[in-house]
Amino acid sequence: MNRLRNSIGRKHPGAWAALGHRLSGLALALFLPFHFIVLGLALESADRLDGFLRLTDMPLVKAAEWGLVVLLTLHMGFGVRVLMLEFLPWRDTRKGLIVIGAAGALLAGAIFAVRVV
């Protein structure tokens, strides 16, 4: 019985949204040390920061920035969904909230891509 419940739960869009929220949070947590290193460079000297920021002109770094924007908006959108499910009496709009969160993340990524490229 437990296997049946687990297999059904993984097919539900809410399970995928929860997985997306957790994985994007994990990826953002892995990014934080690099962010703090750059902040440390900014505090040390402007020349070292400028040298590091020259790397941001590379296409691979621009793609990583795009991924970061998508991860941030995905995590935020699905996090707002969790808060709404927890604190508001809306129970029938789960799939709509998932679509709004995912679409918002893709829209923010597309806007970022257009502005950067």
PDB file of N, CA and C in Angstrom:
ATOM      1  N   MET A   1       0.827  -1.203   0.000  1.00  0.00           N
ATOM      2  CA  MET A   1       0.000   0.000   0.000  1.00  0.00           C
ATOM      3  C   MET A   1       0.864   1.256   0.000  1.00  0.00           C
ATOM      4  N   ASN A   2       1.939   1.228   0.788  1.00  0.00           N
ATOM      5  CA  ASN A   2       2.821   2.387   0.872  1.00  0.00           C
ATOM      6  C   ASN A   2       3.480   2.675  -0.471  1.00  0.00           C
ATOM      7  N   ARG A   3       3.878   1.615  -1.203  1.00  0.00           N
ATOM      8  CA  ARG A   3       4.479   1.803  -2.524  1.00  0.00           C
ATOM      9  C   ARG A   3       3.496   2.442  -3.487  1.00  0.00           C
ATOM     10  N   LEU A   4       2.259   2.007  -3.426  1.00  0.00           N
ATOM     11  CA  LEU A   4       1.247   2.568  -4.302  1.00  0.00           C
ATOM     12  C   LEU A   4       1.051   4.051  -4.023  1.00  0.00           C
ATOM     13  N   ARG A   5       0.992   4.420  -2.759  1.00  0.00           N
ATOM     14  CA  ARG A   5       0.810   5.824  -2.396  1.00  0.00           C
ATOM     15  C   ARG A   5       2.014   6.653  -2.846  1.00  0.00           C
ATOM     16  N   ASN A   6       3.230   6.133  -2.689  1.00  0.00           N
ATOM     17  CA  ASN A   6       4.423   6.859  -3.109  1.00  0.00           C
ATOM     18  C   ASN A   6       4.481   7.026  -4.617  1.00  0.00           C
ATOM     19  N   SER A   7       4.085   6.006  -5.369  1.00  0.00           N
ATOM     20  CA  SER A   7       4.141   6.124  -6.825  1.00  0.00           C
ATOM     21  C   SER A   7       3.103   7.108  -7.338  1.00  0.00           C
ATOM     22  N   ILE A   8       1.945   7.157  -6.701  1.00  0.00           N
ATOM     23  CA  ILE A   8       0.920   8.127  -7.098  1.00  0.00           C
ATOM     24  C   ILE A   8       1.376   9.534  -6.723  1.00  0.00           C
ATOM     25  N   GLY A   9       1.967   9.694  -5.551  1.00  0.00           N
ATOM     26  CA  GLY A   9       2.404  11.010  -5.100  1.00  0.00           C
ATOM     27  C   GLY A   9       3.456  11.625  -6.006  1.00  0.00           C
ATOM     28  N   ARG A  10       4.341  10.792  -6.569  1.00  0.00           N
ATOM     29  CA  ARG A  10       5.393  11.329  -7.445  1.00  0.00           C
ATOM     30  C   ARG A  10       4.850  11.806  -8.781  1.00  0.00           C
ATOM     31  N   LYS A  11       3.672  11.328  -9.150  1.00  0.00           N
ATOM     32  CA  LYS A  11       3.090  11.746 -10.423  1.00  0.00           C
ATOM     33  C   LYS A  11       2.296  13.043 -10.294  1.00  0.00           C
ATOM     34  N   HIS A  12       1.998  13.434  -9.092  1.00  0.00           N
ATOM     35  CA  HIS A  12       1.196  14.637  -8.862  1.00  0.00           C
ATOM     36  C   HIS A  12       2.045  15.881  -9.118  1.00  0.00           C
ATOM     37  N   PRO A  13       1.499  16.899  -9.779  1.00  0.00           N
ATOM     38  CA  PRO A  13       2.271  18.120 -10.036  1.00  0.00           C
ATOM     39  C   PRO A  13       2.796  18.780  -8.768  1.00  0.00           C
ATOM     40  N   GLY A  14       2.075  18.634  -7.671  1.00  0.00           N
ATOM     41  CA  GLY A  14       2.545  19.207  -6.412  1.00  0.00           C
ATOM     42  C   GLY A  14       3.841  18.584  -5.943  1.00  0.00           C
ATOM     43  N   ALA A  15       4.011  17.291  -6.207  1.00  0.00           N
ATOM     44  CA  ALA A  15       5.256  16.621  -5.842  1.00  0.00           C
ATOM     45  C   ALA A  15       6.417  17.162  -6.671  1.00  0.00           C
ATOM     46  N   TRP A  16       6.168  17.411  -7.938  1.00  0.00           N
ATOM     47  CA  TRP A  16       7.218  17.976  -8.801  1.00  0.00           C
ATOM     48  C   TRP A  16       7.543  19.408  -8.399  1.00  0.00           C
ATOM     49  N   ALA A  17       6.523  20.168  -8.012  1.00  0.00           N
ATOM     50  CA  ALA A  17       6.761  21.537  -7.553  1.00  0.00           C
ATOM     51  C   ALA A  17       7.576  21.535  -6.261  1.00  0.00           C
ATOM     52  N   ALA A  18       7.267  20.628  -5.358  1.00  0.00           N
ATOM     53  CA  ALA A  18       8.028  20.533  -4.108  1.00  0.00           C
ATOM     54  C   ALA A  18       9.470  20.135  -4.394  1.00  0.00           C
ATOM     55  N   LEU A  19       9.661  19.200  -5.320  1.00  0.00           N
ATOM     56  CA  LEU A  19      11.016  18.795  -5.693  1.00  0.00           C
ATOM     57  C   LEU A  19      11.770  19.958  -6.336  1.00  0.00           C
ATOM     58  N   GLY A  20      11.097  20.702  -7.217  1.00  0.00           N
ATOM     59  CA  GLY A  20      11.726  21.873  -7.834  1.00  0.00           C
ATOM     60  C   GLY A  20      12.106  22.924  -6.813  1.00  0.00           C
ATOM     61  N   HIS A  21      11.260  23.117  -5.815  1.00  0.00           N
ATOM     62  CA  HIS A  21      11.542  24.090  -4.761  1.00  0.00           C
ATOM     63  C   HIS A  21      12.758  23.665  -3.959  1.00  0.00           C
ATOM     64  N   ARG A  22      12.820  22.402  -3.617  1.00  0.00           N
ATOM     65  CA  ARG A  22      13.952  21.912  -2.815  1.00  0.00           C
ATOM     66  C   ARG A  22      15.261  21.928  -3.613  1.00  0.00           C
ATOM     67  N   LEU A  23      15.212  21.475  -4.853  1.00  0.00           N
ATOM     68  CA  LEU A  23      16.441  21.431  -5.665  1.00  0.00           C
ATOM     69  C   LEU A  23      16.955  22.834  -6.003  1.00  0.00           C
ATOM     70  N   SER A  24      16.034  23.756  -6.281  1.00  0.00           N
ATOM     71  CA  SER A  24      16.485  25.124  -6.557  1.00  0.00           C
ATOM     72  C   SER A  24      17.071  25.748  -5.299  1.00  0.00           C
ATOM     73  N   GLY A  25      16.500  25.443  -4.144  1.00  0.00           N
ATOM     74  CA  GLY A  25      17.064  25.938  -2.883  1.00  0.00           C
ATOM     75  C   GLY A  25      18.446  25.376  -2.630  1.00  0.00           C
ATOM     76  N   LEU A  26      18.632  24.095  -2.935  1.00  0.00           N
ATOM     77  CA  LEU A  26      19.944  23.475  -2.771  1.00  0.00           C
ATOM     78  C   LEU A  26      20.975  24.102  -3.710  1.00  0.00           C
ATOM     79  N   ALA A  27      20.585  24.319  -4.960  1.00  0.00           N
ATOM     80  CA  ALA A  27      21.500  24.941  -5.925  1.00  0.00           C
ATOM     81  C   ALA A  27      21.860  26.368  -5.498  1.00  0.00           C
ATOM     82  N   LEU A  28      20.890  27.102  -4.987  1.00  0.00           N
ATOM     83  CA  LEU A  28      21.169  28.461  -4.520  1.00  0.00           C
ATOM     84  C   LEU A  28      22.088  28.445  -3.304  1.00  0.00           C
ATOM     85  N   ALA A  29      21.909  27.470  -2.437  1.00  0.00           N
ATOM     86  CA  ALA A  29      22.784  27.353  -1.268  1.00  0.00           C
ATOM     87  C   ALA A  29      24.215  27.032  -1.695  1.00  0.00           C
ATOM     88  N   LEU A  30      24.380  26.249  -2.754  1.00  0.00           N
ATOM     89  CA  LEU A  30      25.721  25.949  -3.262  1.00  0.00           C
ATOM     90  C   LEU A  30      26.366  27.175  -3.915  1.00  0.00           C
ATOM     91  N   PHE A  31      25.536  28.077  -4.428  1.00  0.00           N
ATOM     92  CA  PHE A  31      26.046  29.297  -5.054  1.00  0.00           C
ATOM     93  C   PHE A  31      26.533  30.318  -4.022  1.00  0.00           C
ATOM     94  N   LEU A  32      25.956  30.327  -2.844  1.00  0.00           N
ATOM     95  CA  LEU A  32      26.248  31.358  -1.845  1.00  0.00           C
ATOM     96  C   LEU A  32      27.730  31.522  -1.504  1.00  0.00           C
ATOM     97  N   PRO A  33      28.516  30.465  -1.321  1.00  0.00           N
ATOM     98  CA  PRO A  33      29.937  30.687  -1.020  1.00  0.00           C
ATOM     99  C   PRO A  33      30.665  31.489  -2.101  1.00  0.00           C
ATOM    100  N   PHE A  34      30.334  31.235  -3.361  1.00  0.00           N
ATOM    101  CA  PHE A  34      30.962  31.999  -4.445  1.00  0.00           C
ATOM    102  C   PHE A  34      30.555  33.469  -4.391  1.00  0.00           C
ATOM    103  N   HIS A  35      29.313  33.701  -4.026  1.00  0.00           N
ATOM    104  CA  HIS A  35      28.830  35.072  -3.878  1.00  0.00           C
ATOM    105  C   HIS A  35      29.601  35.797  -2.769  1.00  0.00           C
ATOM    106  N   PHE A  36      29.830  35.103  -1.663  1.00  0.00           N
ATOM    107  CA  PHE A  36      30.571  35.713  -0.559  1.00  0.00           C
ATOM    108  C   PHE A  36      32.038  35.943  -0.915  1.00  0.00           C
ATOM    109  N   ILE A  37      32.608  35.086  -1.736  1.00  0.00           N
ATOM    110  CA  ILE A  37      33.983  35.305  -2.203  1.00  0.00           C
ATOM    111  C   ILE A  37      34.065  36.589  -3.008  1.00  0.00           C
ATOM    112  N   VAL A  38      33.109  36.812  -3.887  1.00  0.00           N
ATOM    113  CA  VAL A  38      33.101  38.040  -4.693  1.00  0.00           C
ATOM    114  C   VAL A  38      32.902  39.258  -3.798  1.00  0.00           C
ATOM    115  N   LEU A  39      32.040  39.157  -2.809  1.00  0.00           N
ATOM    116  CA  LEU A  39      31.874  40.274  -1.874  1.00  0.00           C
ATOM    117  C   LEU A  39      33.173  40.552  -1.127  1.00  0.00           C
ATOM    118  N   GLY A  40      33.893  39.490  -0.764  1.00  0.00           N
ATOM    119  CA  GLY A  40      35.191  39.660  -0.105  1.00  0.00           C
ATOM    120  C   GLY A  40      36.191  40.349  -1.016  1.00  0.00           C
ATOM    121  N   LEU A  41      36.170  40.011  -2.303  1.00  0.00           N
ATOM    122  CA  LEU A  41      37.061  40.686  -3.263  1.00  0.00           C
ATOM    123  C   LEU A  41      36.732  42.172  -3.349  1.00  0.00           C
ATOM    124  N   ALA A  42      35.453  42.484  -3.287  1.00  0.00           N
ATOM    125  CA  ALA A  42      35.039  43.890  -3.350  1.00  0.00           C
ATOM    126  C   ALA A  42      35.551  44.656  -2.135  1.00  0.00           C
ATOM    127  N   LEU A  43      35.594  43.998  -0.995  1.00  0.00           N
ATOM    128  CA  LEU A  43      36.087  44.660   0.211  1.00  0.00           C
ATOM    129  C   LEU A  43      37.611  44.799   0.206  1.00  0.00           C
ATOM    130  N   GLU A  44      38.312  43.838  -0.429  1.00  0.00           N
ATOM    131  CA  GLU A  44      39.779  43.882  -0.451  1.00  0.00           C
ATOM    132  C   GLU A  44      40.305  45.006  -1.333  1.00  0.00           C
ATOM    133  N   SER A  45      39.927  44.956  -2.600  1.00  0.00           N
ATOM    134  CA  SER A  45      40.410  46.006  -3.499  1.00  0.00           C
ATOM    135  C   SER A  45      39.537  46.065  -4.738  1.00  0.00           C
ATOM    136  N   ALA A  46      39.431  47.244  -5.268  1.00  0.00           N
ATOM    137  CA  ALA A  46      38.622  47.442  -6.472  1.00  0.00           C
ATOM    138  C   ALA A  46      39.267  46.772  -7.677  1.00  0.00           C
ATOM    139  N   ASP A  47      40.587  46.725  -7.732  1.00  0.00           N
ATOM    140  CA  ASP A  47      41.272  46.101  -8.867  1.00  0.00           C
ATOM    141  C   ASP A  47      40.998  44.600  -8.934  1.00  0.00           C
ATOM    142  N   ARG A  48      41.036  43.929  -7.787  1.00  0.00           N
ATOM    143  CA  ARG A  48      40.750  42.485  -7.777  1.00  0.00           C
ATOM    144  C   ARG A  48      39.304  42.214  -8.172  1.00  0.00           C
ATOM    145  N   LEU A  49      38.382  43.062  -7.720  1.00  0.00           N
ATOM    146  CA  LEU A  49      36.986  42.893  -8.093  1.00  0.00           C
ATOM    147  C   LEU A  49      36.798  43.125  -9.583  1.00  0.00           C
ATOM    148  N   ASP A  50      37.430  44.175 -10.115  1.00  0.00           N
ATOM    149  CA  ASP A  50      37.327  44.441 -11.555  1.00  0.00           C
ATOM    150  C   ASP A  50      37.876  43.281 -12.368  1.00  0.00           C
ATOM    151  N   GLY A  51      38.976  42.701 -11.920  1.00  0.00           N
ATOM    152  CA  GLY A  51      39.534  41.545 -12.611  1.00  0.00           C
ATOM    153  C   GLY A  51      38.577  40.363 -12.615  1.00  0.00           C
ATOM    154  N   PHE A  52      37.933  40.146 -11.502  1.00  0.00           N
ATOM    155  CA  PHE A  52      36.975  39.050 -11.426  1.00  0.00           C
ATOM    156  C   PHE A  52      35.741  39.342 -12.277  1.00  0.00           C
ATOM    157  N   LEU A  53      35.297  40.584 -12.256  1.00  0.00           N
ATOM    158  CA  LEU A  53      34.082  40.926 -13.005  1.00  0.00           C
ATOM    159  C   LEU A  53      34.288  40.872 -14.511  1.00  0.00           C
ATOM    160  N   ARG A  54      35.532  40.917 -14.965  1.00  0.00           N
ATOM    161  CA  ARG A  54      35.790  40.745 -16.396  1.00  0.00           C
ATOM    162  C   ARG A  54      35.366  39.354 -16.870  1.00  0.00           C
ATOM    163  N   LEU A  55      35.371  38.412 -15.956  1.00  0.00           N
ATOM    164  CA  LEU A  55      34.933  37.055 -16.302  1.00  0.00           C
ATOM    165  C   LEU A  55      33.452  37.008 -16.687  1.00  0.00           C
ATOM    166  N   THR A  56      32.688  37.974 -16.223  1.00  0.00           N
ATOM    167  CA  THR A  56      31.250  37.939 -16.482  1.00  0.00           C
ATOM    168  C   THR A  56      30.902  38.221 -17.934  1.00  0.00           C
ATOM    169  N   ASP A  57      31.895  38.592 -18.742  1.00  0.00           N
ATOM    170  CA  ASP A  57      31.640  38.785 -20.166  1.00  0.00           C
ATOM    171  C   ASP A  57      31.691  37.476 -20.947  1.00  0.00           C
ATOM    172  N   MET A  58      32.128  36.399 -20.313  1.00  0.00           N
ATOM    173  CA  MET A  58      32.213  35.107 -20.984  1.00  0.00           C
ATOM    174  C   MET A  58      30.819  34.519 -21.169  1.00  0.00           C
ATOM    175  N   PRO A  59      30.567  33.885 -22.324  1.00  0.00           N
ATOM    176  CA  PRO A  59      29.225  33.309 -22.578  1.00  0.00           C
ATOM    177  C   PRO A  59      28.801  32.267 -21.541  1.00  0.00           C
ATOM    178  N   LEU A  60      29.737  31.469 -21.066  1.00  0.00           N
ATOM    179  CA  LEU A  60      29.387  30.451 -20.071  1.00  0.00           C
ATOM    180  C   LEU A  60      28.914  31.099 -18.768  1.00  0.00           C
ATOM    181  N   VAL A  61      29.546  32.201 -18.392  1.00  0.00           N
ATOM    182  CA  VAL A  61      29.149  32.899 -17.164  1.00  0.00           C
ATOM    183  C   VAL A  61      27.785  33.551 -17.355  1.00  0.00           C
ATOM    184  N   LYS A  62      27.540  34.092 -18.540  1.00  0.00           N
ATOM    185  CA  LYS A  62      26.222  34.680 -18.811  1.00  0.00           C
ATOM    186  C   LYS A  62      25.127  33.613 -18.746  1.00  0.00           C
ATOM    187  N   ALA A  63      25.424  32.421 -19.257  1.00  0.00           N
ATOM    188  CA  ALA A  63      24.459  31.322 -19.177  1.00  0.00           C
ATOM    189  C   ALA A  63      24.226  30.922 -17.720  1.00  0.00           C
ATOM    190  N   ALA A  64      25.289  30.917 -16.934  1.00  0.00           N
ATOM    191  CA  ALA A  64      25.148  30.592 -15.509  1.00  0.00           C
ATOM    192  C   ALA A  64      24.328  31.659 -14.792  1.00  0.00           C
ATOM    193  N   GLU A  65      24.509  32.914 -15.160  1.00  0.00           N
ATOM    194  CA  GLU A  65      23.706  33.989 -14.561  1.00  0.00           C
ATOM    195  C   GLU A  65      22.235  33.805 -14.902  1.00  0.00           C
ATOM    196  N   TRP A  66      21.964  33.420 -16.154  1.00  0.00           N
ATOM    197  CA  TRP A  66      20.589  33.164 -16.553  1.00  0.00           C
ATOM    198  C   TRP A  66      20.013  32.030 -15.704  1.00  0.00           C
ATOM    199  N   GLY A  67      20.776  30.965 -15.529  1.00  0.00           N
ATOM    200  CA  GLY A  67      20.326  29.857 -14.703  1.00  0.00           C
ATOM    201  C   GLY A  67      20.061  30.284 -13.273  1.00  0.00           C
ATOM    202  N   LEU A  68      20.895  31.164 -12.767  1.00  0.00           N
ATOM    203  CA  LEU A  68      20.713  31.661 -11.408  1.00  0.00           C
ATOM    204  C   LEU A  68      19.418  32.450 -11.274  1.00  0.00           C
ATOM    205  N   VAL A  69      19.118  33.277 -12.272  1.00  0.00           N
ATOM    206  CA  VAL A  69      17.866  34.052 -12.249  1.00  0.00           C
ATOM    207  C   VAL A  69      16.665  33.111 -12.293  1.00  0.00           C
ATOM    208  N   VAL A  70      16.729  32.086 -13.134  1.00  0.00           N
ATOM    209  CA  VAL A  70      15.627  31.127 -13.224  1.00  0.00           C
ATOM    210  C   VAL A  70      15.476  30.378 -11.897  1.00  0.00           C
ATOM    211  N   LEU A  71      16.602  29.949 -11.299  1.00  0.00           N
ATOM    212  CA  LEU A  71      16.532  29.253 -10.015  1.00  0.00           C
ATOM    213  C   LEU A  71      15.941  30.139  -8.921  1.00  0.00           C
ATOM    214  N   LEU A  72      16.361  31.403  -8.888  1.00  0.00           N
ATOM    215  CA  LEU A  72      15.832  32.324  -7.870  1.00  0.00           C
ATOM    216  C   LEU A  72      14.328  32.522  -8.012  1.00  0.00           C
ATOM    217  N   THR A  73      13.869  32.748  -9.239  1.00  0.00           N
ATOM    218  CA  THR A  73      12.438  32.990  -9.425  1.00  0.00           C
ATOM    219  C   THR A  73      11.636  31.700  -9.237  1.00  0.00           C
ATOM    220  N   LEU A  74      12.194  30.564  -9.630  1.00  0.00           N
ATOM    221  CA  LEU A  74      11.519  29.300  -9.401  1.00  0.00           C
ATOM    222  C   LEU A  74      11.374  29.040  -7.903  1.00  0.00           C
ATOM    223  N   HIS A  75      12.442  29.252  -7.169  1.00  0.00           N
ATOM    224  CA  HIS A  75      12.408  29.045  -5.725  1.00  0.00           C
ATOM    225  C   HIS A  75      11.428  30.017  -5.063  1.00  0.00           C
ATOM    226  N   MET A  76      11.441  31.256  -5.507  1.00  0.00           N
ATOM    227  CA  MET A  76      10.522  32.237  -4.936  1.00  0.00           C
ATOM    228  C   MET A  76       9.069  31.889  -5.275  1.00  0.00           C
ATOM    229  N   GLY A  77       8.807  31.570  -6.535  1.00  0.00           N
ATOM    230  CA  GLY A  77       7.439  31.258  -6.948  1.00  0.00           C
ATOM    231  C   GLY A  77       6.872  30.052  -6.236  1.00  0.00           C
ATOM    232  N   PHE A  78       7.666  28.986  -6.144  1.00  0.00           N
ATOM    233  CA  PHE A  78       7.177  27.798  -5.460  1.00  0.00           C
ATOM    234  C   PHE A  78       7.139  27.996  -3.950  1.00  0.00           C
ATOM    235  N   GLY A  79       7.994  28.863  -3.429  1.00  0.00           N
ATOM    236  CA  GLY A  79       7.943  29.187  -2.007  1.00  0.00           C
ATOM    237  C   GLY A  79       6.675  29.956  -1.660  1.00  0.00           C
ATOM    238  N   VAL A  80       6.295  30.889  -2.528  1.00  0.00           N
ATOM    239  CA  VAL A  80       5.041  31.627  -2.323  1.00  0.00           C
ATOM    240  C   VAL A  80       3.866  30.665  -2.402  1.00  0.00           C
ATOM    241  N   ARG A  81       3.954  29.699  -3.318  1.00  0.00           N
ATOM    242  CA  ARG A  81       2.903  28.682  -3.428  1.00  0.00           C
ATOM    243  C   ARG A  81       2.753  27.920  -2.109  1.00  0.00           C
ATOM    244  N   VAL A  82       3.868  27.523  -1.508  1.00  0.00           N
ATOM    245  CA  VAL A  82       3.818  26.790  -0.239  1.00  0.00           C
ATOM    246  C   VAL A  82       3.189  27.663   0.847  1.00  0.00           C
ATOM    247  N   LEU A  83       3.589  28.923   0.900  1.00  0.00           N
ATOM    248  CA  LEU A  83       3.007  29.826   1.898  1.00  0.00           C
ATOM    249  C   LEU A  83       1.504  29.996   1.704  1.00  0.00           C
ATOM    250  N   MET A  84       1.085  30.108   0.447  1.00  0.00           N
ATOM    251  CA  MET A  84      -0.344  30.263   0.174  1.00  0.00           C
ATOM    252  C   MET A  84      -1.108  29.003   0.579  1.00  0.00           C
ATOM    253  N   LEU A  85      -0.526  27.844   0.308  1.00  0.00           N
ATOM    254  CA  LEU A  85      -1.198  26.602   0.692  1.00  0.00           C
ATOM    255  C   LEU A  85      -1.271  26.444   2.202  1.00  0.00           C
ATOM    256  N   GLU A  86      -0.253  26.928   2.884  1.00  0.00           N
ATOM    257  CA  GLU A  86      -0.215  26.787   4.338  1.00  0.00           C
ATOM    258  C   GLU A  86      -1.156  27.760   5.049  1.00  0.00           C
ATOM    259  N   PHE A  87      -1.213  28.996   4.573  1.00  0.00           N
ATOM    260  CA  PHE A  87      -1.888  30.026   5.349  1.00  0.00           C
ATOM    261  C   PHE A  87      -3.214  30.518   4.772  1.00  0.00           C
ATOM    262  N   LEU A  88      -3.528  30.169   3.539  1.00  0.00           N
ATOM    263  CA  LEU A  88      -4.793  30.606   2.948  1.00  0.00           C
ATOM    264  C   LEU A  88      -5.713  29.407   2.749  1.00  0.00           C
ATOM    265  N   PRO A  89      -7.005  29.637   2.709  1.00  0.00           N
ATOM    266  CA  PRO A  89      -7.947  28.513   2.578  1.00  0.00           C
ATOM    267  C   PRO A  89      -8.089  28.003   1.146  1.00  0.00           C
ATOM    268  N   TRP A  90      -7.138  28.272   0.267  1.00  0.00           N
ATOM    269  CA  TRP A  90      -7.224  27.815  -1.118  1.00  0.00           C
ATOM    270  C   TRP A  90      -6.659  26.417  -1.220  1.00  0.00           C
ATOM    271  N   ARG A  91      -7.467  25.459  -1.525  1.00  0.00           N
ATOM    272  CA  ARG A  91      -7.001  24.077  -1.673  1.00  0.00           C
ATOM    273  C   ARG A  91      -7.216  23.556  -3.096  1.00  0.00           C
ATOM    274  N   ASP A  92      -8.107  24.182  -3.844  1.00  0.00           N
ATOM    275  CA  ASP A  92      -8.444  23.656  -5.161  1.00  0.00           C
ATOM    276  C   ASP A  92      -7.613  24.266  -6.291  1.00  0.00           C
ATOM    277  N   THR A  93      -6.740  25.190  -5.985  1.00  0.00           N
ATOM    278  CA  THR A  93      -5.993  25.881  -7.043  1.00  0.00           C
ATOM    279  C   THR A  93      -4.527  25.474  -7.067  1.00  0.00           C
ATOM    280  N   ARG A  94      -4.182  24.291  -6.607  1.00  0.00           N
ATOM    281  CA  ARG A  94      -2.779  23.878  -6.518  1.00  0.00           C
ATOM    282  C   ARG A  94      -2.103  23.845  -7.883  1.00  0.00           C
ATOM    283  N   LYS A  95      -2.742  23.240  -8.861  1.00  0.00           N
ATOM    284  CA  LYS A  95      -2.129  23.146 -10.186  1.00  0.00           C
ATOM    285  C   LYS A  95      -1.956  24.530 -10.794  1.00  0.00           C
ATOM    286  N   GLY A  96      -2.898  25.404 -10.582  1.00  0.00           N
ATOM    287  CA  GLY A  96      -2.773  26.769 -11.086  1.00  0.00           C
ATOM    288  C   GLY A  96      -1.604  27.506 -10.448  1.00  0.00           C
ATOM    289  N   LEU A  97      -1.404  27.310  -9.149  1.00  0.00           N
ATOM    290  CA  LEU A  97      -0.268  27.941  -8.470  1.00  0.00           C
ATOM    291  C   LEU A  97       1.055  27.391  -8.978  1.00  0.00           C
ATOM    292  N   ILE A  98       1.091  26.110  -9.291  1.00  0.00           N
ATOM    293  CA  ILE A  98       2.307  25.500  -9.834  1.00  0.00           C
ATOM    294  C   ILE A  98       2.616  26.096 -11.198  1.00  0.00           C
ATOM    295  N   VAL A  99       1.613  26.218 -12.034  1.00  0.00           N
ATOM    296  CA  VAL A  99       1.811  26.780 -13.366  1.00  0.00           C
ATOM    297  C   VAL A  99       2.261  28.237 -13.274  1.00  0.00           C
ATOM    298  N   ILE A 100       1.663  28.995 -12.375  1.00  0.00           N
ATOM    299  CA  ILE A 100       2.047  30.398 -12.206  1.00  0.00           C
ATOM    300  C   ILE A 100       3.498  30.502 -11.741  1.00  0.00           C
ATOM    301  N   GLY A 101       3.904  29.672 -10.792  1.00  0.00           N
ATOM    302  CA  GLY A 101       5.287  29.702 -10.313  1.00  0.00           C
ATOM    303  C   GLY A 101       6.284  29.338 -11.391  1.00  0.00           C
ATOM    304  N   ALA A 102       6.006  28.275 -12.142  1.00  0.00           N
ATOM    305  CA  ALA A 102       6.918  27.848 -13.211  1.00  0.00           C
ATOM    306  C   ALA A 102       6.940  28.867 -14.345  1.00  0.00           C
ATOM    307  N   ALA A 103       5.781  29.380 -14.726  1.00  0.00           N
ATOM    308  CA  ALA A 103       5.725  30.364 -15.806  1.00  0.00           C
ATOM    309  C   ALA A 103       6.429  31.660 -15.404  1.00  0.00           C
ATOM    310  N   GLY A 104       6.281  32.060 -14.161  1.00  0.00           N
ATOM    311  CA  GLY A 104       6.978  33.254 -13.682  1.00  0.00           C
ATOM    312  C   GLY A 104       8.486  33.094 -13.747  1.00  0.00           C
ATOM    313  N   ALA A 105       8.968  31.910 -13.394  1.00  0.00           N
ATOM    314  CA  ALA A 105      10.409  31.646 -13.453  1.00  0.00           C
ATOM    315  C   ALA A 105      10.910  31.693 -14.888  1.00  0.00           C
ATOM    316  N   LEU A 106      10.177  31.078 -15.798  1.00  0.00           N
ATOM    317  CA  LEU A 106      10.590  31.096 -17.208  1.00  0.00           C
ATOM    318  C   LEU A 106      10.503  32.501 -17.794  1.00  0.00           C
ATOM    319  N   LEU A 107       9.495  33.256 -17.411  1.00  0.00           N
ATOM    320  CA  LEU A 107       9.370  34.632 -17.892  1.00  0.00           C
ATOM    321  C   LEU A 107      10.525  35.495 -17.396  1.00  0.00           C
ATOM    322  N   ALA A 108      10.862  35.379 -16.126  1.00  0.00           N
ATOM    323  CA  ALA A 108      11.989  36.147 -15.592  1.00  0.00           C
ATOM    324  C   ALA A 108      13.291  35.745 -16.281  1.00  0.00           C
ATOM    325  N   GLY A 109      13.469  34.461 -16.540  1.00  0.00           N
ATOM    326  CA  GLY A 109      14.656  34.004 -17.260  1.00  0.00           C
ATOM    327  C   GLY A 109      14.706  34.538 -18.679  1.00  0.00           C
ATOM    328  N   ALA A 110      13.558  34.568 -19.349  1.00  0.00           N
ATOM    329  CA  ALA A 110      13.513  35.094 -20.712  1.00  0.00           C
ATOM    330  C   ALA A 110      13.804  36.585 -20.748  1.00  0.00           C
ATOM    331  N   ILE A 111      13.250  37.332 -19.817  1.00  0.00           N
ATOM    332  CA  ILE A 111      13.514  38.766 -19.750  1.00  0.00           C
ATOM    333  C   ILE A 111      14.991  39.013 -19.480  1.00  0.00           C
ATOM    334  N   PHE A 112      15.572  38.246 -18.556  1.00  0.00           N
ATOM    335  CA  PHE A 112      16.992  38.394 -18.255  1.00  0.00           C
ATOM    336  C   PHE A 112      17.832  38.072 -19.480  1.00  0.00           C
ATOM    337  N   ALA A 113      17.498  37.005 -20.185  1.00  0.00           N
ATOM    338  CA  ALA A 113      18.254  36.608 -21.378  1.00  0.00           C
ATOM    339  C   ALA A 113      18.204  37.685 -22.456  1.00  0.00           C
ATOM    340  N   VAL A 114      17.035  38.282 -22.653  1.00  0.00           N
ATOM    341  CA  VAL A 114      16.902  39.321 -23.667  1.00  0.00           C
ATOM    342  C   VAL A 114      17.700  40.565 -23.287  1.00  0.00           C
ATOM    343  N   ARG A 115      17.702  40.899 -22.017  1.00  0.00           N
ATOM    344  CA  ARG A 115      18.414  42.097 -21.563  1.00  0.00           C
ATOM    345  C   ARG A 115      19.936  41.907 -21.563  1.00  0.00           C
ATOM    346  N   VAL A 116      20.406  40.677 -21.328  1.00  0.00           N
ATOM    347  CA  VAL A 116      21.837  40.427 -21.225  1.00  0.00           C
ATOM    348  C   VAL A 116      22.452  40.181 -22.600  1.00  0.00           C
ATOM    349  N   VAL A 117      21.758  39.446 -23.427  1.00  0.00           N
ATOM    350  CA  VAL A 117      22.317  39.077 -24.742  1.00  0.00           C
ATOM    351  C   VAL A 117      22.114  40.164 -25.717  1.00  0.00           C
TER     352      VAL A 117
END
